[in-house]
Amino acid sequence: MSIFPKSLESMEQALSASTLRQRVHSANIANVDTANYKSKKVDFQAALDTAINNQSLSSYKTNERHLSFSNESSIGKTEILTDNSTKYNNNGNNVDMDVEMAELAKNQLWYNAVTERVNGKLNSLSSVINGGR
């Protein structure tokens, strides 16, 4: 029996995915002036589609009309895709700094939201362990 709720596993994977996205966008920004560098992105949609297709959806339902949800928190492996279709600069580099900075900001908001949720879950668990004190 685990004292940690299953939702913490999902949030752990969300934080890992956010960390990977941060690394990829940071690498794109670091290589903004590198000749022939092609920007990369993390493809979560393909991983999510694969997970949905490979898992049978089941859960405890209080009503037979409710939708079924998977109890598994794994969403599969994420892929890092290279964009070879565009050429943004004359040197063959296709990193758009404005897009990368916007994606970093969006990712930071996501990371902060998930971190706050993890803190809330752990604070609740701490409160239960300490008897509400």
C-alpha atoms as a PDB file:
ATOM      1  CA  MET A   1       0.000   0.000   0.000  1.00  0.00           C
ATOM      2  CA  SER A   2       1.372   3.359  -1.000  1.00  0.00           C
ATOM      3  CA  ILE A   3       0.730   6.512   1.020  1.00  0.00           C
ATOM      4  CA  PHE A   4       1.185   8.627  -2.082  1.00  0.00           C
ATOM      5  CA  PRO A   5      -1.825   9.179  -4.335  1.00  0.00           C
ATOM      6  CA  LYS A   6      -1.674   8.035  -7.979  1.00  0.00           C
ATOM      7  CA  SER A   7      -2.041  11.670  -9.039  1.00  0.00           C
ATOM      8  CA  LEU A   8       1.483  12.354  -7.741  1.00  0.00           C
ATOM      9  CA  GLU A   9       2.861   9.934 -10.337  1.00  0.00           C
ATOM     10  CA  SER A  10       1.078  11.851 -13.074  1.00  0.00           C
ATOM     11  CA  MET A  11       2.409  15.131 -11.742  1.00  0.00           C
ATOM     12  CA  GLU A  12       5.920  13.673 -11.570  1.00  0.00           C
ATOM     13  CA  GLN A  13       5.689  12.782 -15.255  1.00  0.00           C
ATOM     14  CA  ALA A  14       4.315  16.247 -16.034  1.00  0.00           C
ATOM     15  CA  LEU A  15       7.312  17.826 -14.291  1.00  0.00           C
ATOM     16  CA  SER A  16       9.700  15.531 -16.189  1.00  0.00           C
ATOM     17  CA  ALA A  17       8.049  16.451 -19.479  1.00  0.00           C
ATOM     18  CA  SER A  18       8.254  20.138 -18.616  1.00  0.00           C
ATOM     19  CA  THR A  19      11.937  19.756 -17.773  1.00  0.00           C
ATOM     20  CA  LEU A  20      12.577  18.093 -21.130  1.00  0.00           C
ATOM     21  CA  ARG A  21      10.731  20.865 -22.944  1.00  0.00           C
ATOM     22  CA  GLN A  22      12.789  23.465 -21.048  1.00  0.00           C
ATOM     23  CA  ARG A  23      16.032  21.766 -22.112  1.00  0.00           C
ATOM     24  CA  VAL A  24      14.992  21.617 -25.760  1.00  0.00           C
ATOM     25  CA  HIS A  25      13.955  25.278 -25.944  1.00  0.00           C
ATOM     26  CA  SER A  26      17.084  26.346 -24.062  1.00  0.00           C
ATOM     27  CA  ALA A  27      19.214  24.432 -26.569  1.00  0.00           C
ATOM     28  CA  ASN A  28      17.382  26.160 -29.423  1.00  0.00           C
ATOM     29  CA  ILE A  29      18.057  29.572 -27.873  1.00  0.00           C
ATOM     30  CA  ALA A  30      21.704  28.704 -27.212  1.00  0.00           C
ATOM     31  CA  ASN A  31      22.118  27.805 -30.895  1.00  0.00           C
ATOM     32  CA  VAL A  32      20.298  30.817 -32.318  1.00  0.00           C
ATOM     33  CA  ASP A  33      23.462  31.973 -34.130  1.00  0.00           C
ATOM     34  CA  THR A  34      24.803  28.529 -35.066  1.00  0.00           C
ATOM     35  CA  ALA A  35      24.941  28.049 -38.828  1.00  0.00           C
ATOM     36  CA  ASN A  36      22.626  25.339 -40.188  1.00  0.00           C
ATOM     37  CA  TYR A  37      21.185  24.558 -36.751  1.00  0.00           C
ATOM     38  CA  LYS A  38      17.599  23.326 -36.993  1.00  0.00           C
ATOM     39  CA  SER A  39      15.191  24.023 -34.152  1.00  0.00           C
ATOM     40  CA  LYS A  40      13.810  21.126 -32.157  1.00  0.00           C
ATOM     41  CA  LYS A  41      10.553  20.617 -30.324  1.00  0.00           C
ATOM     42  CA  VAL A  42       9.106  18.031 -27.980  1.00  0.00           C
ATOM     43  CA  ASP A  43       6.174  16.118 -29.444  1.00  0.00           C
ATOM     44  CA  PHE A  44       3.791  15.279 -26.608  1.00  0.00           C
ATOM     45  CA  GLN A  45       0.766  14.732 -28.834  1.00  0.00           C
ATOM     46  CA  ALA A  46       2.281  11.664 -30.524  1.00  0.00           C
ATOM     47  CA  ALA A  47       3.140  10.169 -27.133  1.00  0.00           C
ATOM     48  CA  LEU A  48      -0.362  10.853 -25.840  1.00  0.00           C
ATOM     49  CA  ASP A  49      -1.964   9.328 -28.951  1.00  0.00           C
ATOM     50  CA  THR A  50       0.213   6.224 -28.600  1.00  0.00           C
ATOM     51  CA  ALA A  51      -0.691   5.857 -24.934  1.00  0.00           C
ATOM     52  CA  ILE A  52      -4.391   6.205 -25.658  1.00  0.00           C
ATOM     53  CA  ASN A  53      -4.230   3.622 -28.460  1.00  0.00           C
ATOM     54  CA  ASN A  54      -2.217   1.108 -26.404  1.00  0.00           C
ATOM     55  CA  GLN A  55      -4.180   1.240 -23.161  1.00  0.00           C
ATOM     56  CA  SER A  56      -7.568  -0.087 -22.329  1.00  0.00           C
ATOM     57  CA  LEU A  57      -9.525   2.614 -20.592  1.00  0.00           C
ATOM     58  CA  SER A  58     -11.005   1.423 -17.308  1.00  0.00           C
ATOM     59  CA  SER A  59     -11.837   2.949 -13.962  1.00  0.00           C
ATOM     60  CA  TYR A  60     -14.282   2.799 -11.113  1.00  0.00           C
ATOM     61  CA  LYS A  61     -17.546   4.340 -12.228  1.00  0.00           C
ATOM     62  CA  THR A  62     -20.341   5.411  -9.905  1.00  0.00           C
ATOM     63  CA  ASN A  63     -22.762   5.491 -12.808  1.00  0.00           C
ATOM     64  CA  GLU A  64     -22.783   3.371 -15.965  1.00  0.00           C
ATOM     65  CA  ARG A  65     -23.177   6.546 -18.062  1.00  0.00           C
ATOM     66  CA  HIS A  66     -19.825   7.973 -16.883  1.00  0.00           C
ATOM     67  CA  LEU A  67     -16.821   7.907 -19.185  1.00  0.00           C
ATOM     68  CA  SER A  68     -14.057   5.412 -18.517  1.00  0.00           C
ATOM     69  CA  PHE A  69     -10.599   6.690 -17.673  1.00  0.00           C
ATOM     70  CA  SER A  70      -7.296   4.870 -17.538  1.00  0.00           C
ATOM     71  CA  ASN A  71      -5.733   4.243 -14.151  1.00  0.00           C
ATOM     72  CA  GLU A  72      -2.313   4.255 -15.746  1.00  0.00           C
ATOM     73  CA  SER A  73      -0.298   7.465 -15.493  1.00  0.00           C
ATOM     74  CA  SER A  74       2.257   6.638 -18.174  1.00  0.00           C
ATOM     75  CA  ILE A  75       1.885   8.586 -21.411  1.00  0.00           C
ATOM     76  CA  GLY A  76       4.635   6.848 -23.316  1.00  0.00           C
ATOM     77  CA  LYS A  77       7.934   8.147 -24.553  1.00  0.00           C
ATOM     78  CA  THR A  78       8.153  11.679 -25.818  1.00  0.00           C
ATOM     79  CA  GLU A  79       9.952  12.419 -29.033  1.00  0.00           C
ATOM     80  CA  ILE A  80      12.189  15.344 -29.864  1.00  0.00           C
ATOM     81  CA  LEU A  81      11.499  16.397 -33.443  1.00  0.00           C
ATOM     82  CA  THR A  82      13.783  18.494 -35.630  1.00  0.00           C
ATOM     83  CA  ASP A  83      12.170  21.055 -37.926  1.00  0.00           C
ATOM     84  CA  ASN A  84      13.969  20.757 -41.274  1.00  0.00           C
ATOM     85  CA  SER A  85      11.189  22.361 -43.298  1.00  0.00           C
ATOM     86  CA  THR A  86      11.983  26.030 -42.747  1.00  0.00           C
ATOM     87  CA  LYS A  87      14.909  28.392 -43.101  1.00  0.00           C
ATOM     88  CA  TYR A  88      14.592  31.465 -40.896  1.00  0.00           C
ATOM     89  CA  ASN A  89      18.066  33.029 -41.237  1.00  0.00           C
ATOM     90  CA  ASN A  90      20.484  33.341 -44.153  1.00  0.00           C
ATOM     91  CA  ASN A  91      22.926  30.966 -42.460  1.00  0.00           C
ATOM     92  CA  GLY A  92      20.441  28.059 -42.618  1.00  0.00           C
ATOM     93  CA  ASN A  93      19.371  28.422 -38.994  1.00  0.00           C
ATOM     94  CA  ASN A  94      15.617  28.296 -38.366  1.00  0.00           C
ATOM     95  CA  VAL A  95      15.414  29.270 -34.677  1.00  0.00           C
ATOM     96  CA  ASP A  96      12.879  32.060 -34.122  1.00  0.00           C
ATOM     97  CA  MET A  97      13.849  33.745 -30.856  1.00  0.00           C
ATOM     98  CA  ASP A  98      10.372  35.199 -30.272  1.00  0.00           C
ATOM     99  CA  VAL A  99       8.724  31.780 -30.605  1.00  0.00           C
ATOM    100  CA  GLU A 100      11.302  30.153 -28.333  1.00  0.00           C
ATOM    101  CA  MET A 101      10.903  32.805 -25.628  1.00  0.00           C
ATOM    102  CA  ALA A 102       7.104  32.496 -25.770  1.00  0.00           C
ATOM    103  CA  GLU A 103       7.357  28.709 -25.476  1.00  0.00           C
ATOM    104  CA  LEU A 104       9.734  29.061 -22.517  1.00  0.00           C
ATOM    105  CA  ALA A 105       7.290  31.388 -20.767  1.00  0.00           C
ATOM    106  CA  LYS A 106       4.373  29.019 -21.416  1.00  0.00           C
ATOM    107  CA  ASN A 107       6.408  26.079 -20.148  1.00  0.00           C
ATOM    108  CA  GLN A 108       7.420  28.002 -17.033  1.00  0.00           C
ATOM    109  CA  LEU A 109       3.765  28.723 -16.217  1.00  0.00           C
ATOM    110  CA  TRP A 110       2.936  25.041 -16.656  1.00  0.00           C
ATOM    111  CA  TYR A 111       5.860  23.967 -14.456  1.00  0.00           C
ATOM    112  CA  ASN A 112       4.871  26.422 -11.725  1.00  0.00           C
ATOM    113  CA  ALA A 113       1.242  25.247 -11.781  1.00  0.00           C
ATOM    114  CA  VAL A 114       2.212  21.583 -11.486  1.00  0.00           C
ATOM    115  CA  THR A 115       4.736  22.374  -8.737  1.00  0.00           C
ATOM    116  CA  GLU A 116       2.064  24.240  -6.768  1.00  0.00           C
ATOM    117  CA  ARG A 117      -0.269  21.257  -7.129  1.00  0.00           C
ATOM    118  CA  VAL A 118       2.430  18.836  -5.922  1.00  0.00           C
ATOM    119  CA  ASN A 119       3.087  21.093  -2.935  1.00  0.00           C
ATOM    120  CA  GLY A 120      -0.626  21.115  -2.131  1.00  0.00           C
ATOM    121  CA  LYS A 121      -0.823  17.307  -2.251  1.00  0.00           C
ATOM    122  CA  LEU A 122       2.251  16.921  -0.047  1.00  0.00           C
ATOM    123  CA  ASN A 123       0.975  19.540   2.416  1.00  0.00           C
ATOM    124  CA  SER A 124      -2.321  17.647   2.658  1.00  0.00           C
ATOM    125  CA  LEU A 125      -0.452  14.416   3.306  1.00  0.00           C
ATOM    126  CA  SER A 126       1.688  16.144   5.936  1.00  0.00           C
ATOM    127  CA  SER A 127      -1.420  17.513   7.607  1.00  0.00           C
ATOM    128  CA  VAL A 128      -2.951  14.028   7.779  1.00  0.00           C
ATOM    129  CA  ILE A 129       0.231  12.527   9.196  1.00  0.00           C
ATOM    130  CA  ASN A 130       0.481  15.262  11.856  1.00  0.00           C
ATOM    131  CA  GLY A 131      -3.169  14.892  12.858  1.00  0.00           C
ATOM    132  CA  GLY A 132      -4.320  18.180  11.367  1.00  0.00           C
ATOM    133  CA  ARG A 133      -1.677  20.308  13.056  1.00  0.00           C
END
